[in-house]
C-alpha cells in the first residue's frame, strides 16, 4: 500500500455531506492509511444530509496532533457545527501548524477559517463561502483542487477524485 504507516482523521458532525466524508475515508483506507472518525465526546452517531449515520471513534481531545498526517474536513452543513467546537478548531490548527495535511471540501472552509489558518493561502470552495474565505484573508480561485503547502481544498463532490489524488500525492512527499 502506498501510505502504510500514515494516520488520518476525518472530522464529523450532524448533516455532513455523505460523499465528502466517505469517499476520502475509504480512499485513504484503500491506500493503507489508518483512519479514525473524530466527533465530540458522548455522541454515538451523526446523521448525514441524506440520513446516513457515522459513528465517531475518537474525540478531538484524544487525538495527538503530532501523530496526524492527514486531517479531512468534509462539507455539507456539518462545518457550521464543527466550528462551534473549540476542541475541533484547536486540533485543526495544531495539525496544520505541525505540517500535517489539512484537506477541506465544499463548505468545509468554515472550519479552517475559524481555526485561523487560511490567511495568505490560495484556496477553493463552493462559491457560497467564497466571501467568507476572502474576508479571512485567503486568495479564492475556482479550480477543482488547490494545494497550497499543507492546505488542500476542493469545491464539491464532483471534485472528489482530484481532491483525493492531491491528498495522496502530498502525503507521499
Protein backbone atom coordinates (compact mmCIF):
# COMPACT_ATOMS: atom_id res chain seq x y z
CA UNK A 1 0.00 0.00 0.00
CA UNK A 2 1.28 3.44 -0.86
CA UNK A 3 0.64 5.14 2.51
CA UNK A 4 1.04 2.36 5.07
CA UNK A 5 2.08 3.81 8.41
CA UNK A 6 0.23 7.11 7.94
CA UNK A 7 -2.55 8.26 10.27
CA UNK A 8 -5.59 10.32 9.26
CA UNK A 9 -8.63 11.73 11.00
CA UNK A 10 -11.94 12.76 9.46
CA UNK A 11 -14.00 15.29 11.39
CA UNK A 12 -17.71 14.59 11.76
CA UNK A 13 -20.82 16.44 12.88
CA UNK A 14 -24.53 16.48 12.07
CA UNK A 15 -25.52 16.99 8.42
CA UNK A 16 -22.18 16.16 6.85
CA UNK A 17 -22.17 15.68 3.07
CA UNK A 18 -22.18 11.89 2.62
CA UNK A 19 -19.70 11.60 -0.25
CA UNK A 20 -17.31 14.19 1.16
CA UNK A 21 -16.82 12.12 4.31
CA UNK A 22 -16.99 8.56 2.98
CA UNK A 23 -15.12 8.90 -0.33
CA UNK A 24 -11.87 10.20 1.29
CA UNK A 25 -12.33 7.83 4.25
CA UNK A 26 -12.38 4.74 2.07
CA UNK A 27 -9.82 6.03 -0.45
CA UNK A 28 -7.31 6.62 2.35
CA UNK A 29 -8.03 3.20 3.86
CA UNK A 30 -7.51 1.68 0.42
CA UNK A 31 -4.10 3.40 0.32
CA UNK A 32 -3.11 1.78 3.63
CA UNK A 33 -3.78 4.76 5.93
CA UNK A 34 -5.14 4.21 9.43
CA UNK A 35 -8.25 6.43 9.52
CA UNK A 36 -10.34 7.45 12.53
CA UNK A 37 -13.62 9.39 12.64
CA UNK A 38 -13.48 12.29 15.10
CA UNK A 39 -16.57 13.53 16.92
CA UNK A 40 -17.46 15.20 20.16
CA UNK A 41 -17.42 13.17 23.41
CA UNK A 42 -20.63 11.34 24.24
CA UNK A 43 -22.02 11.38 20.71
CA UNK A 44 -23.00 7.91 19.48
CA UNK A 45 -23.52 8.89 15.85
CA UNK A 46 -24.09 11.77 13.48
CA UNK A 47 -26.50 11.73 10.55
CA UNK A 48 -25.53 12.97 7.12
CA UNK A 49 -27.60 15.31 4.95
CA UNK A 50 -29.14 12.14 3.49
CA UNK A 51 -29.62 10.35 6.83
CA UNK A 52 -26.58 8.06 6.63
CA UNK A 53 -25.01 7.59 10.08
CA UNK A 54 -21.35 7.82 11.05
CA UNK A 55 -20.06 6.75 14.46
CA UNK A 56 -17.24 8.80 15.95
CA UNK A 57 -14.34 6.63 17.11
CA UNK A 58 -12.34 9.27 18.95
CA UNK A 59 -12.84 12.77 20.33
CA UNK A 60 -10.68 15.77 19.37
CA UNK A 61 -9.09 15.80 22.82
CA UNK A 62 -7.98 12.18 22.42
CA UNK A 63 -6.12 12.86 19.17
CA UNK A 64 -2.41 13.65 19.38
CA UNK A 65 -1.97 16.31 16.66
CA UNK A 66 1.70 15.33 16.35
CA UNK A 67 0.62 11.90 15.10
CA UNK A 68 -1.84 13.14 12.43
CA UNK A 69 -0.54 13.07 8.86
CA UNK A 70 -3.89 13.96 7.25
CA UNK A 71 -6.97 15.73 8.59
CA UNK A 72 -10.10 15.78 6.41
CA UNK A 73 -12.91 18.29 6.90
CA UNK A 74 -15.97 17.19 4.90
CA UNK A 75 -18.56 19.71 3.79
CA UNK A 76 -22.30 19.80 3.97
CA UNK A 77 -23.84 21.71 6.86
CA UNK A 78 -21.53 19.97 9.37
CA UNK A 79 -18.70 22.56 9.16
CA UNK A 80 -21.03 25.22 10.54
CA UNK A 81 -21.45 22.99 13.60
CA UNK A 82 -17.80 21.85 13.77
CA UNK A 83 -16.52 25.42 14.01
CA UNK A 84 -18.51 25.88 17.22
CA UNK A 85 -16.32 23.29 19.00
CA UNK A 86 -13.06 24.86 20.22
CA UNK A 87 -11.56 21.37 20.56
CA UNK A 88 -12.04 20.68 16.84
CA UNK A 89 -10.62 24.06 15.86
CA UNK A 90 -7.60 23.53 18.09
CA UNK A 91 -6.99 20.11 16.52
CA UNK A 92 -7.16 21.59 13.00
CA UNK A 93 -4.81 24.43 13.92
CA UNK A 94 -2.27 22.16 15.63
CA UNK A 95 -2.24 19.58 12.83
CA UNK A 96 -1.75 22.38 10.30
CA UNK A 97 0.99 24.10 12.33
CA UNK A 98 2.77 20.74 12.76
CA UNK A 99 2.89 20.34 8.98
CA UNK A 100 0.10 17.78 8.70
CA UNK A 101 -2.19 17.96 5.69
CA UNK A 102 -5.49 19.76 6.30
CA UNK A 103 -7.93 18.99 3.47
CA UNK A 104 -11.25 20.82 3.12
CA UNK A 105 -14.00 20.46 0.56
CA UNK A 106 -17.15 22.44 -0.28
CA UNK A 107 -18.42 24.29 2.84
CA UNK A 108 -15.60 22.81 4.96
CA UNK A 109 -13.60 26.03 4.59
CA UNK A 110 -15.54 27.45 7.52
CA UNK A 111 -13.53 25.25 9.89
CA UNK A 112 -10.04 26.38 8.76
CA UNK A 113 -11.35 29.97 8.72
CA UNK A 114 -12.38 29.65 12.37
CA UNK A 115 -9.11 27.86 13.17
CA UNK A 116 -7.26 30.89 11.77
CA UNK A 117 -5.19 29.06 9.14
CA UNK A 118 -6.36 30.44 5.76
CA UNK A 119 -4.86 33.94 5.78
CA UNK A 120 -2.47 34.30 2.84
CA UNK A 121 -3.39 30.88 1.44
CA UNK A 122 -4.66 30.11 -2.05
CA UNK A 123 -7.88 28.06 -1.74
CA UNK A 124 -11.08 26.99 -3.42
CA UNK A 125 -14.51 26.01 -2.11
CA UNK A 126 -18.14 26.01 -3.04
CA UNK A 127 -18.93 29.51 -4.30
CA UNK A 128 -21.31 30.15 -1.40
CA UNK A 129 -18.42 30.62 1.06
CA UNK A 130 -16.06 32.46 -1.29
CA UNK A 131 -16.64 35.76 0.52
CA UNK A 132 -16.01 34.12 3.90
CA UNK A 133 -12.62 32.82 2.74
CA UNK A 134 -11.67 36.11 1.09
CA UNK A 135 -12.71 38.05 4.20
CA UNK A 136 -10.50 35.73 6.27
CA UNK A 137 -7.52 36.69 4.08
CA UNK A 138 -7.40 33.80 1.61
CA UNK A 139 -6.97 34.09 -2.15
CA UNK A 140 -10.01 32.27 -3.60
CA UNK A 141 -9.88 30.60 -7.03
CA UNK A 142 -12.40 28.49 -8.94
CA UNK A 143 -10.45 25.25 -9.53
CA UNK A 144 -11.26 21.61 -8.83
CA UNK A 145 -8.40 21.26 -6.36
CA UNK A 146 -5.89 23.70 -4.90
CA UNK A 147 -2.76 22.72 -2.98
CA UNK A 148 -1.04 25.50 -1.04
CA UNK A 149 1.59 23.99 1.20
CA UNK A 150 -0.17 21.56 3.53
CA UNK A 151 -3.64 23.02 2.88
CA UNK A 152 -5.69 21.23 0.21
CA UNK A 153 -9.10 22.41 -0.94
CA UNK A 154 -11.80 21.41 -3.44
CA UNK A 155 -15.21 22.75 -4.45
CA UNK A 156 -17.78 19.94 -4.41
CA UNK A 157 -18.41 16.18 -4.60
CA UNK A 158 -17.71 16.29 -8.35
CA UNK A 159 -14.09 17.19 -7.46
CA UNK A 160 -13.55 14.24 -5.09
CA UNK A 161 -11.30 12.23 -7.45
CA UNK A 162 -8.91 15.19 -7.88
CA UNK A 163 -9.19 16.03 -4.15
CA UNK A 164 -8.19 12.52 -3.06
CA UNK A 165 -5.40 12.28 -5.65
CA UNK A 166 -3.95 15.55 -4.33
CA UNK A 167 -4.15 14.36 -0.70
CA UNK A 168 -2.41 11.08 -1.51
CA UNK A 169 0.26 12.76 -3.65
CA UNK A 170 1.01 15.27 -0.86
CA UNK A 171 1.10 12.51 1.78
CA UNK A 172 3.66 10.60 -0.31
CA UNK A 173 6.12 13.55 -0.23
